[in-house]
């Protein structure tokens, strides 16, 4: 059993076997994940989230914001609005959720 565990730990941790990760060859991350998003992609995103007004929300986000930064801010605002509505329904406020 100890042999199986030691071989498993070598496969999981590259530092054990002497191999180090080379961060220089990593794929560069996109500065904005909404850079090339279109209406169809947003509709699918909203539909998977269970939004009944997916088409309307996607259209409103893209109609108001043409740049990727504006789209991401609009999507974050929609997420915050959803959280605020949920808190309103449950009767909670942000003040009551803060710890003292």
PDB file of N, CA and C in Angstrom:
ATOM      1  N   UNK A   1       0.829  -1.191   0.000  1.00  0.00           N
ATOM      2  CA  UNK A   1       0.000   0.000   0.000  1.00  0.00           C
ATOM      3  C   UNK A   1       0.872   1.253   0.000  1.00  0.00           C
ATOM      4  N   UNK A   2       1.987   1.225   0.745  1.00  0.00           N
ATOM      5  CA  UNK A   2       2.852   2.401   0.806  1.00  0.00           C
ATOM      6  C   UNK A   2       3.497   2.683  -0.551  1.00  0.00           C
ATOM      7  N   UNK A   3       3.766   1.641  -1.337  1.00  0.00           N
ATOM      8  CA  UNK A   3       4.338   1.842  -2.667  1.00  0.00           C
ATOM      9  C   UNK A   3       3.340   2.539  -3.579  1.00  0.00           C
ATOM     10  N   UNK A   4       2.091   2.153  -3.482  1.00  0.00           N
ATOM     11  CA  UNK A   4       1.053   2.781  -4.304  1.00  0.00           C
ATOM     12  C   UNK A   4       0.876   4.238  -3.914  1.00  0.00           C
ATOM     13  N   UNK A   5       0.928   4.538  -2.632  1.00  0.00           N
ATOM     14  CA  UNK A   5       0.769   5.915  -2.176  1.00  0.00           C
ATOM     15  C   UNK A   5       1.944   6.777  -2.607  1.00  0.00           C
ATOM     16  N   UNK A   6       3.162   6.241  -2.543  1.00  0.00           N
ATOM     17  CA  UNK A   6       4.318   7.047  -2.920  1.00  0.00           C
ATOM     18  C   UNK A   6       4.330   7.319  -4.424  1.00  0.00           C
ATOM     19  N   UNK A   7       3.925   6.342  -5.235  1.00  0.00           N
ATOM     20  CA  UNK A   7       3.882   6.590  -6.680  1.00  0.00           C
ATOM     21  C   UNK A   7       2.765   7.573  -7.015  1.00  0.00           C
ATOM     22  N   UNK A   8       1.667   7.515  -6.287  1.00  0.00           N
ATOM     23  CA  UNK A   8       0.565   8.450  -6.508  1.00  0.00           C
ATOM     24  C   UNK A   8       0.998   9.866  -6.159  1.00  0.00           C
ATOM     25  N   UNK A   9       1.708  10.034  -5.040  1.00  0.00           N
ATOM     26  CA  UNK A   9       2.135  11.375  -4.643  1.00  0.00           C
ATOM     27  C   UNK A   9       3.157  11.937  -5.628  1.00  0.00           C
ATOM     28  N   UNK A  10       3.941  11.084  -6.252  1.00  0.00           N
ATOM     29  CA  UNK A  10       4.899  11.567  -7.252  1.00  0.00           C
ATOM     30  C   UNK A  10       4.180  12.065  -8.495  1.00  0.00           C
ATOM     31  N   UNK A  11       3.095  11.403  -8.864  1.00  0.00           N
ATOM     32  CA  UNK A  11       2.363  11.835 -10.046  1.00  0.00           C
ATOM     33  C   UNK A  11       1.622  13.145  -9.798  1.00  0.00           C
ATOM     34  N   UNK A  12       1.141  13.347  -8.600  1.00  0.00           N
ATOM     35  CA  UNK A  12       0.361  14.539  -8.288  1.00  0.00           C
ATOM     36  C   UNK A  12       1.255  15.742  -8.088  1.00  0.00           C
ATOM     37  N   UNK A  13       2.346  15.570  -7.396  1.00  0.00           N
ATOM     38  CA  UNK A  13       3.224  16.685  -7.062  1.00  0.00           C
ATOM     39  C   UNK A  13       4.489  16.634  -7.908  1.00  0.00           C
ATOM     40  N   UNK A  14       4.637  17.552  -8.873  1.00  0.00           N
ATOM     41  CA  UNK A  14       5.828  17.511  -9.720  1.00  0.00           C
ATOM     42  C   UNK A  14       7.110  17.849  -8.974  1.00  0.00           C
ATOM     43  N   UNK A  15       7.027  18.561  -7.864  1.00  0.00           N
ATOM     44  CA  UNK A  15       8.227  18.917  -7.110  1.00  0.00           C
ATOM     45  C   UNK A  15       8.881  17.678  -6.507  1.00  0.00           C
ATOM     46  N   UNK A  16       8.100  16.648  -6.204  1.00  0.00           N
ATOM     47  CA  UNK A  16       8.636  15.422  -5.622  1.00  0.00           C
ATOM     48  C   UNK A  16       9.539  14.718  -6.628  1.00  0.00           C
ATOM     49  N   UNK A  17       9.142  14.705  -7.887  1.00  0.00           N
ATOM     50  CA  UNK A  17       9.944  14.009  -8.893  1.00  0.00           C
ATOM     51  C   UNK A  17      11.024  14.900  -9.491  1.00  0.00           C
ATOM     52  N   UNK A  18      11.149  16.125  -9.026  1.00  0.00           N
ATOM     53  CA  UNK A  18      12.189  17.023  -9.505  1.00  0.00           C
ATOM     54  C   UNK A  18      11.787  17.872 -10.695  1.00  0.00           C
ATOM     55  N   UNK A  19      10.558  17.752 -11.154  1.00  0.00           N
ATOM     56  CA  UNK A  19      10.077  18.544 -12.282  1.00  0.00           C
ATOM     57  C   UNK A  19       9.369  19.778 -11.734  1.00  0.00           C
ATOM     58  N   UNK A  20       9.732  20.935 -12.246  1.00  0.00           N
ATOM     59  CA  UNK A  20       9.083  22.166 -11.804  1.00  0.00           C
ATOM     60  C   UNK A  20       8.174  22.678 -12.910  1.00  0.00           C
ATOM     61  N   UNK A  21       7.128  23.371 -12.517  1.00  0.00           N
ATOM     62  CA  UNK A  21       6.239  23.968 -13.505  1.00  0.00           C
ATOM     63  C   UNK A  21       6.949  25.121 -14.197  1.00  0.00           C
ATOM     64  N   UNK A  22       6.792  25.219 -15.486  1.00  0.00           N
ATOM     65  CA  UNK A  22       7.388  26.319 -16.236  1.00  0.00           C
ATOM     66  C   UNK A  22       6.282  27.309 -16.583  1.00  0.00           C
ATOM     67  N   UNK A  23       6.205  28.388 -15.838  1.00  0.00           N
ATOM     68  CA  UNK A  23       5.132  29.357 -16.050  1.00  0.00           C
ATOM     69  C   UNK A  23       5.336  30.190 -17.308  1.00  0.00           C
ATOM     70  N   UNK A  24       6.528  30.202 -17.863  1.00  0.00           N
ATOM     71  CA  UNK A  24       6.775  30.989 -19.071  1.00  0.00           C
ATOM     72  C   UNK A  24       6.030  30.427 -20.278  1.00  0.00           C
ATOM     73  N   UNK A  25       5.725  29.131 -20.260  1.00  0.00           N
ATOM     74  CA  UNK A  25       5.060  28.506 -21.395  1.00  0.00           C
ATOM     75  C   UNK A  25       3.558  28.348 -21.196  1.00  0.00           C
ATOM     76  N   UNK A  26       3.026  28.957 -20.166  1.00  0.00           N
ATOM     77  CA  UNK A  26       1.585  28.877 -19.949  1.00  0.00           C
ATOM     78  C   UNK A  26       0.847  29.716 -20.979  1.00  0.00           C
ATOM     79  N   UNK A  27      -0.363  29.309 -21.257  1.00  0.00           N
ATOM     80  CA  UNK A  27      -1.210  30.073 -22.164  1.00  0.00           C
ATOM     81  C   UNK A  27      -1.621  31.367 -21.467  1.00  0.00           C
ATOM     82  N   UNK A  28      -1.526  32.455 -22.167  1.00  0.00           N
ATOM     83  CA  UNK A  28      -1.875  33.747 -21.580  1.00  0.00           C
ATOM     84  C   UNK A  28      -3.387  33.845 -21.420  1.00  0.00           C
ATOM     85  N   UNK A  29      -3.822  34.379 -20.305  1.00  0.00           N
ATOM     86  CA  UNK A  29      -5.246  34.554 -20.041  1.00  0.00           C
ATOM     87  C   UNK A  29      -5.759  35.778 -20.781  1.00  0.00           C
ATOM     88  N   UNK A  30      -7.006  35.714 -21.145  1.00  0.00           N
ATOM     89  CA  UNK A  30      -7.632  36.856 -21.808  1.00  0.00           C
ATOM     90  C   UNK A  30      -7.871  37.949 -20.775  1.00  0.00           C
ATOM     91  N   UNK A  31      -7.572  39.197 -21.109  1.00  0.00           N
ATOM     92  CA  UNK A  31      -7.807  40.274 -20.145  1.00  0.00           C
ATOM     93  C   UNK A  31      -9.290  40.477 -19.864  1.00  0.00           C
ATOM     94  N   UNK A  32     -10.138  40.110 -20.828  1.00  0.00           N
ATOM     95  CA  UNK A  32     -11.575  40.238 -20.629  1.00  0.00           C
ATOM     96  C   UNK A  32     -12.255  39.061 -21.313  1.00  0.00           C
ATOM     97  N   UNK A  33     -12.951  38.248 -20.549  1.00  0.00           N
ATOM     98  CA  UNK A  33     -13.556  37.041 -21.111  1.00  0.00           C
ATOM     99  C   UNK A  33     -14.744  37.348 -22.010  1.00  0.00           C
ATOM    100  N   UNK A  34     -15.267  38.573 -21.967  1.00  0.00           N
ATOM    101  CA  UNK A  34     -16.408  38.941 -22.801  1.00  0.00           C
ATOM    102  C   UNK A  34     -15.970  39.697 -24.051  1.00  0.00           C
ATOM    103  N   UNK A  35     -14.727  39.538 -24.458  1.00  0.00           N
ATOM    104  CA  UNK A  35     -14.172  40.304 -25.568  1.00  0.00           C
ATOM    105  C   UNK A  35     -14.879  40.010 -26.889  1.00  0.00           C
ATOM    106  N   UNK A  36     -15.136  38.772 -27.205  1.00  0.00           N
ATOM    107  CA  UNK A  36     -15.744  38.407 -28.489  1.00  0.00           C
ATOM    108  C   UNK A  36     -17.116  37.774 -28.315  1.00  0.00           C
ATOM    109  N   UNK A  37     -17.848  38.194 -27.319  1.00  0.00           N
ATOM    110  CA  UNK A  37     -19.148  37.595 -27.034  1.00  0.00           C
ATOM    111  C   UNK A  37     -20.205  38.189 -27.968  1.00  0.00           C
ATOM    112  N   UNK A  38     -21.159  37.346 -28.384  1.00  0.00           N
ATOM    113  CA  UNK A  38     -22.264  37.839 -29.199  1.00  0.00           C
ATOM    114  C   UNK A  38     -23.586  37.516 -28.512  1.00  0.00           C
ATOM    115  N   UNK A  39     -24.688  37.911 -29.139  1.00  0.00           N
ATOM    116  CA  UNK A  39     -25.989  37.754 -28.499  1.00  0.00           C
ATOM    117  C   UNK A  39     -26.344  36.287 -28.269  1.00  0.00           C
ATOM    118  N   UNK A  40     -26.028  35.419 -29.214  1.00  0.00           N
ATOM    119  CA  UNK A  40     -26.353  33.997 -29.055  1.00  0.00           C
ATOM    120  C   UNK A  40     -25.676  33.391 -27.833  1.00  0.00           C
ATOM    121  N   UNK A  41     -24.430  33.757 -27.613  1.00  0.00           N
ATOM    122  CA  UNK A  41     -23.685  33.240 -26.461  1.00  0.00           C
ATOM    123  C   UNK A  41     -24.308  33.740 -25.164  1.00  0.00           C
ATOM    124  N   UNK A  42     -24.675  35.025 -25.130  1.00  0.00           N
ATOM    125  CA  UNK A  42     -25.296  35.566 -23.919  1.00  0.00           C
ATOM    126  C   UNK A  42     -26.651  34.921 -23.656  1.00  0.00           C
ATOM    127  N   UNK A  43     -27.427  34.684 -24.704  1.00  0.00           N
ATOM    128  CA  UNK A  43     -28.731  34.035 -24.534  1.00  0.00           C
ATOM    129  C   UNK A  43     -28.542  32.652 -23.926  1.00  0.00           C
ATOM    130  N   UNK A  44     -27.590  31.882 -24.440  1.00  0.00           N
ATOM    131  CA  UNK A  44     -27.326  30.545 -23.888  1.00  0.00           C
ATOM    132  C   UNK A  44     -26.881  30.625 -22.431  1.00  0.00           C
ATOM    133  N   UNK A  45     -26.056  31.623 -22.124  1.00  0.00           N
ATOM    134  CA  UNK A  45     -25.588  31.808 -20.752  1.00  0.00           C
ATOM    135  C   UNK A  45     -26.759  32.078 -19.808  1.00  0.00           C
ATOM    136  N   UNK A  46     -27.642  32.984 -20.211  1.00  0.00           N
ATOM    137  CA  UNK A  46     -28.801  33.308 -19.380  1.00  0.00           C
ATOM    138  C   UNK A  46     -29.780  32.136 -19.291  1.00  0.00           C
ATOM    139  N   UNK A  47     -29.972  31.412 -20.394  1.00  0.00           N
ATOM    140  CA  UNK A  47     -30.882  30.263 -20.377  1.00  0.00           C
ATOM    141  C   UNK A  47     -30.372  29.170 -19.447  1.00  0.00           C
ATOM    142  N   UNK A  48     -29.070  28.911 -19.473  1.00  0.00           N
ATOM    143  CA  UNK A  48     -28.500  27.890 -18.583  1.00  0.00           C
ATOM    144  C   UNK A  48     -28.626  28.293 -17.123  1.00  0.00           C
ATOM    145  N   UNK A  49     -28.674  29.604 -16.882  1.00  0.00           N
ATOM    146  CA  UNK A  49     -28.846  30.096 -15.515  1.00  0.00           C
ATOM    147  C   UNK A  49     -30.309  30.063 -15.091  1.00  0.00           C
ATOM    148  N   UNK A  50     -31.206  29.683 -16.017  1.00  0.00           N
ATOM    149  CA  UNK A  50     -32.615  29.575 -15.681  1.00  0.00           C
ATOM    150  C   UNK A  50     -33.392  30.866 -15.846  1.00  0.00           C
ATOM    151  N   UNK A  51     -32.849  31.809 -16.581  1.00  0.00           N
ATOM    152  CA  UNK A  51     -33.508  33.096 -16.782  1.00  0.00           C
ATOM    153  C   UNK A  51     -34.610  32.949 -17.827  1.00  0.00           C
ATOM    154  N   UNK A  52     -35.833  33.331 -17.459  1.00  0.00           N
ATOM    155  CA  UNK A  52     -36.960  33.231 -18.378  1.00  0.00           C
ATOM    156  C   UNK A  52     -36.950  34.348 -19.420  1.00  0.00           C
ATOM    157  N   UNK A  53     -36.232  35.414 -19.162  1.00  0.00           N
ATOM    158  CA  UNK A  53     -36.150  36.538 -20.099  1.00  0.00           C
ATOM    159  C   UNK A  53     -34.739  36.616 -20.696  1.00  0.00           C
ATOM    160  N   UNK A  54     -34.203  35.490 -21.090  1.00  0.00           N
ATOM    161  CA  UNK A  54     -32.816  35.419 -21.555  1.00  0.00           C
ATOM    162  C   UNK A  54     -32.580  36.270 -22.795  1.00  0.00           C
ATOM    163  N   UNK A  55     -33.491  36.210 -23.766  1.00  0.00           N
ATOM    164  CA  UNK A  55     -33.306  36.954 -25.009  1.00  0.00           C
ATOM    165  C   UNK A  55     -33.334  38.452 -24.745  1.00  0.00           C
ATOM    166  N   UNK A  56     -34.287  38.892 -23.918  1.00  0.00           N
ATOM    167  CA  UNK A  56     -34.401  40.318 -23.614  1.00  0.00           C
ATOM    168  C   UNK A  56     -33.179  40.829 -22.859  1.00  0.00           C
ATOM    169  N   UNK A  57     -32.701  40.053 -21.910  1.00  0.00           N
ATOM    170  CA  UNK A  57     -31.532  40.478 -21.134  1.00  0.00           C
ATOM    171  C   UNK A  57     -30.279  40.547 -22.014  1.00  0.00           C
ATOM    172  N   UNK A  58     -30.095  39.562 -22.859  1.00  0.00           N
ATOM    173  CA  UNK A  58     -28.929  39.569 -23.750  1.00  0.00           C
ATOM    174  C   UNK A  58     -28.988  40.759 -24.694  1.00  0.00           C
ATOM    175  N   UNK A  59     -30.164  41.024 -25.241  1.00  0.00           N
ATOM    176  CA  UNK A  59     -30.306  42.160 -26.151  1.00  0.00           C
ATOM    177  C   UNK A  59     -30.026  43.473 -25.438  1.00  0.00           C
ATOM    178  N   UNK A  60     -30.541  43.625 -24.212  1.00  0.00           N
ATOM    179  CA  UNK A  60     -30.336  44.884 -23.492  1.00  0.00           C
ATOM    180  C   UNK A  60     -28.867  45.090 -23.125  1.00  0.00           C
ATOM    181  N   UNK A  61     -28.182  44.031 -22.761  1.00  0.00           N
ATOM    182  CA  UNK A  61     -26.756  44.157 -22.420  1.00  0.00           C
ATOM    183  C   UNK A  61     -25.955  44.581 -23.642  1.00  0.00           C
ATOM    184  N   UNK A  62     -26.202  43.941 -24.775  1.00  0.00           N
ATOM    185  CA  UNK A  62     -25.431  44.253 -25.981  1.00  0.00           C
ATOM    186  C   UNK A  62     -25.847  45.578 -26.613  1.00  0.00           C
ATOM    187  N   UNK A  63     -27.105  45.977 -26.453  1.00  0.00           N
ATOM    188  CA  UNK A  63     -27.566  47.239 -27.031  1.00  0.00           C
ATOM    189  C   UNK A  63     -26.972  48.432 -26.291  1.00  0.00           C
ATOM    190  N   UNK A  64     -26.819  48.307 -24.995  1.00  0.00           N
ATOM    191  CA  UNK A  64     -26.317  49.428 -24.201  1.00  0.00           C
ATOM    192  C   UNK A  64     -24.803  49.504 -24.164  1.00  0.00           C
ATOM    193  N   UNK A  65     -24.144  48.377 -24.296  1.00  0.00           N
ATOM    194  CA  UNK A  65     -22.688  48.345 -24.128  1.00  0.00           C
ATOM    195  C   UNK A  65     -22.047  47.639 -25.311  1.00  0.00           C
ATOM    196  N   UNK A  66     -21.227  48.352 -26.046  1.00  0.00           N
ATOM    197  CA  UNK A  66     -20.556  47.777 -27.208  1.00  0.00           C
ATOM    198  C   UNK A  66     -19.152  47.272 -26.877  1.00  0.00           C
ATOM    199  N   UNK A  67     -18.523  47.853 -25.877  1.00  0.00           N
ATOM    200  CA  UNK A  67     -17.156  47.460 -25.536  1.00  0.00           C
ATOM    201  C   UNK A  67     -17.165  46.320 -24.518  1.00  0.00           C
ATOM    202  N   UNK A  68     -16.138  45.475 -24.522  1.00  0.00           N
ATOM    203  CA  UNK A  68     -16.088  44.324 -23.605  1.00  0.00           C
ATOM    204  C   UNK A  68     -16.151  44.724 -22.136  1.00  0.00           C
ATOM    205  N   UNK A  69     -15.515  45.825 -21.782  1.00  0.00           N
ATOM    206  CA  UNK A  69     -15.537  46.259 -20.381  1.00  0.00           C
ATOM    207  C   UNK A  69     -16.952  46.654 -19.959  1.00  0.00           C
ATOM    208  N   UNK A  70     -17.671  47.330 -20.842  1.00  0.00           N
ATOM    209  CA  UNK A  70     -19.051  47.710 -20.546  1.00  0.00           C
ATOM    210  C   UNK A  70     -19.959  46.503 -20.418  1.00  0.00           C
ATOM    211  N   UNK A  71     -19.738  45.499 -21.263  1.00  0.00           N
ATOM    212  CA  UNK A  71     -20.531  44.269 -21.192  1.00  0.00           C
ATOM    213  C   UNK A  71     -20.294  43.564 -19.869  1.00  0.00           C
ATOM    214  N   UNK A  72     -19.044  43.459 -19.454  1.00  0.00           N
ATOM    215  CA  UNK A  72     -18.762  42.770 -18.186  1.00  0.00           C
ATOM    216  C   UNK A  72     -19.343  43.542 -17.010  1.00  0.00           C
ATOM    217  N   UNK A  73     -19.292  44.882 -17.046  1.00  0.00           N
ATOM    218  CA  UNK A  73     -19.892  45.674 -15.966  1.00  0.00           C
ATOM    219  C   UNK A  73     -21.406  45.502 -15.938  1.00  0.00           C
ATOM    220  N   UNK A  74     -22.033  45.447 -17.118  1.00  0.00           N
ATOM    221  CA  UNK A  74     -23.484  45.255 -17.181  1.00  0.00           C
ATOM    222  C   UNK A  74     -23.878  43.890 -16.635  1.00  0.00           C
ATOM    223  N   UNK A  75     -23.101  42.866 -16.953  1.00  0.00           N
ATOM    224  CA  UNK A  75     -23.401  41.526 -16.443  1.00  0.00           C
ATOM    225  C   UNK A  75     -23.216  41.451 -14.933  1.00  0.00           C
ATOM    226  N   UNK A  76     -22.200  42.129 -14.414  1.00  0.00           N
ATOM    227  CA  UNK A  76     -22.008  42.151 -12.961  1.00  0.00           C
ATOM    228  C   UNK A  76     -23.145  42.912 -12.283  1.00  0.00           C
ATOM    229  N   UNK A  77     -23.643  43.973 -12.925  1.00  0.00           N
ATOM    230  CA  UNK A  77     -24.766  44.722 -12.364  1.00  0.00           C
ATOM    231  C   UNK A  77     -26.027  43.866 -12.341  1.00  0.00           C
ATOM    232  N   UNK A  78     -26.250  43.073 -13.398  1.00  0.00           N
ATOM    233  CA  UNK A  78     -27.398  42.164 -13.404  1.00  0.00           C
ATOM    234  C   UNK A  78     -27.294  41.143 -12.281  1.00  0.00           C
ATOM    235  N   UNK A  79     -26.090  40.644 -12.047  1.00  0.00           N
ATOM    236  CA  UNK A  79     -25.887  39.674 -10.974  1.00  0.00           C
ATOM    237  C   UNK A  79     -26.180  40.319  -9.625  1.00  0.00           C
ATOM    238  N   UNK A  80     -25.734  41.557  -9.433  1.00  0.00           N
ATOM    239  CA  UNK A  80     -25.974  42.251  -8.169  1.00  0.00           C
ATOM    240  C   UNK A  80     -27.461  42.530  -7.981  1.00  0.00           C
ATOM    241  N   UNK A  81     -28.160  42.918  -9.067  1.00  0.00           N
ATOM    242  CA  UNK A  81     -29.602  43.144  -8.980  1.00  0.00           C
ATOM    243  C   UNK A  81     -30.322  41.874  -8.552  1.00  0.00           C
ATOM    244  N   UNK A  82     -29.890  40.732  -9.088  1.00  0.00           N
ATOM    245  CA  UNK A  82     -30.507  39.451  -8.736  1.00  0.00           C
ATOM    246  C   UNK A  82     -30.300  39.150  -7.252  1.00  0.00           C
ATOM    247  N   UNK A  83     -29.090  39.422  -6.742  1.00  0.00           N
ATOM    248  CA  UNK A  83     -28.818  39.199  -5.321  1.00  0.00           C
ATOM    249  C   UNK A  83     -29.679  40.119  -4.462  1.00  0.00           C
ATOM    250  N   UNK A  84     -29.808  41.386  -4.883  1.00  0.00           N
ATOM    251  CA  UNK A  84     -30.610  42.338  -4.118  1.00  0.00           C
ATOM    252  C   UNK A  84     -32.076  41.929  -4.088  1.00  0.00           C
ATOM    253  N   UNK A  85     -32.611  41.430  -5.218  1.00  0.00           N
ATOM    254  CA  UNK A  85     -34.003  40.979  -5.258  1.00  0.00           C
ATOM    255  C   UNK A  85     -34.207  39.788  -4.329  1.00  0.00           C
ATOM    256  N   UNK A  86     -33.256  38.881  -4.324  1.00  0.00           N
ATOM    257  CA  UNK A  86     -33.346  37.712  -3.453  1.00  0.00           C
ATOM    258  C   UNK A  86     -33.359  38.138  -1.991  1.00  0.00           C
ATOM    259  N   UNK A  87     -32.527  39.100  -1.659  1.00  0.00           N
ATOM    260  CA  UNK A  87     -32.474  39.578  -0.279  1.00  0.00           C
ATOM    261  C   UNK A  87     -33.764  40.307   0.088  1.00  0.00           C
ATOM    262  N   UNK A  88     -34.351  41.016  -0.871  1.00  0.00           N
ATOM    263  CA  UNK A  88     -35.601  41.717  -0.623  1.00  0.00           C
ATOM    264  C   UNK A  88     -36.725  40.721  -0.358  1.00  0.00           C
ATOM    265  N   UNK A  89     -36.760  39.647  -1.125  1.00  0.00           N
ATOM    266  CA  UNK A  89     -37.790  38.623  -0.951  1.00  0.00           C
ATOM    267  C   UNK A  89     -37.655  37.942   0.404  1.00  0.00           C
ATOM    268  N   UNK A  90     -36.449  37.652   0.819  1.00  0.00           N
ATOM    269  CA  UNK A  90     -36.245  36.959   2.091  1.00  0.00           C
ATOM    270  C   UNK A  90     -36.316  37.897   3.286  1.00  0.00           C
ATOM    271  N   UNK A  91     -36.361  39.203   3.026  1.00  0.00           N
ATOM    272  CA  UNK A  91     -36.466  40.166   4.116  1.00  0.00           C
ATOM    273  C   UNK A  91     -35.137  40.529   4.738  1.00  0.00           C
ATOM    274  N   UNK A  92     -34.071  40.119   4.122  1.00  0.00           N
ATOM    275  CA  UNK A  92     -32.751  40.435   4.648  1.00  0.00           C
ATOM    276  C   UNK A  92     -32.236  41.720   4.019  1.00  0.00           C
ATOM    277  N   UNK A  93     -31.369  42.381   4.720  1.00  0.00           N
ATOM    278  CA  UNK A  93     -30.690  43.545   4.162  1.00  0.00           C
ATOM    279  C   UNK A  93     -29.197  43.329   4.286  1.00  0.00           C
ATOM    280  N   UNK A  94     -28.458  44.118   3.578  1.00  0.00           N
ATOM    281  CA  UNK A  94     -27.000  43.987   3.674  1.00  0.00           C
ATOM    282  C   UNK A  94     -26.525  44.323   5.078  1.00  0.00           C
ATOM    283  N   UNK A  95     -27.201  45.246   5.736  1.00  0.00           N
ATOM    284  CA  UNK A  95     -26.806  45.632   7.088  1.00  0.00           C
ATOM    285  C   UNK A  95     -26.946  44.458   8.053  1.00  0.00           C
ATOM    286  N   UNK A  96     -28.010  43.665   7.896  1.00  0.00           N
ATOM    287  CA  UNK A  96     -28.223  42.549   8.817  1.00  0.00           C
ATOM    288  C   UNK A  96     -27.251  41.405   8.569  1.00  0.00           C
ATOM    289  N   UNK A  97     -26.646  41.362   7.395  1.00  0.00           N
ATOM    290  CA  UNK A  97     -25.710  40.290   7.092  1.00  0.00           C
ATOM    291  C   UNK A  97     -24.292  40.583   7.553  1.00  0.00           C
ATOM    292  N   UNK A  98     -24.001  41.832   7.859  1.00  0.00           N
ATOM    293  CA  UNK A  98     -22.649  42.189   8.290  1.00  0.00           C
ATOM    294  C   UNK A  98     -22.414  41.724   9.718  1.00  0.00           C
ATOM    295  N   UNK A  99     -21.228  41.201   9.931  1.00  0.00           N
ATOM    296  CA  UNK A  99     -20.863  40.762  11.271  1.00  0.00           C
ATOM    297  C   UNK A  99     -20.308  41.931  12.058  1.00  0.00           C
ATOM    298  N   UNK A 100     -20.572  41.919  13.327  1.00  0.00           N
ATOM    299  CA  UNK A 100     -20.093  43.019  14.175  1.00  0.00           C
ATOM    300  C   UNK A 100     -18.923  42.592  14.981  1.00  0.00           C
TER     301      UNK A 100
END
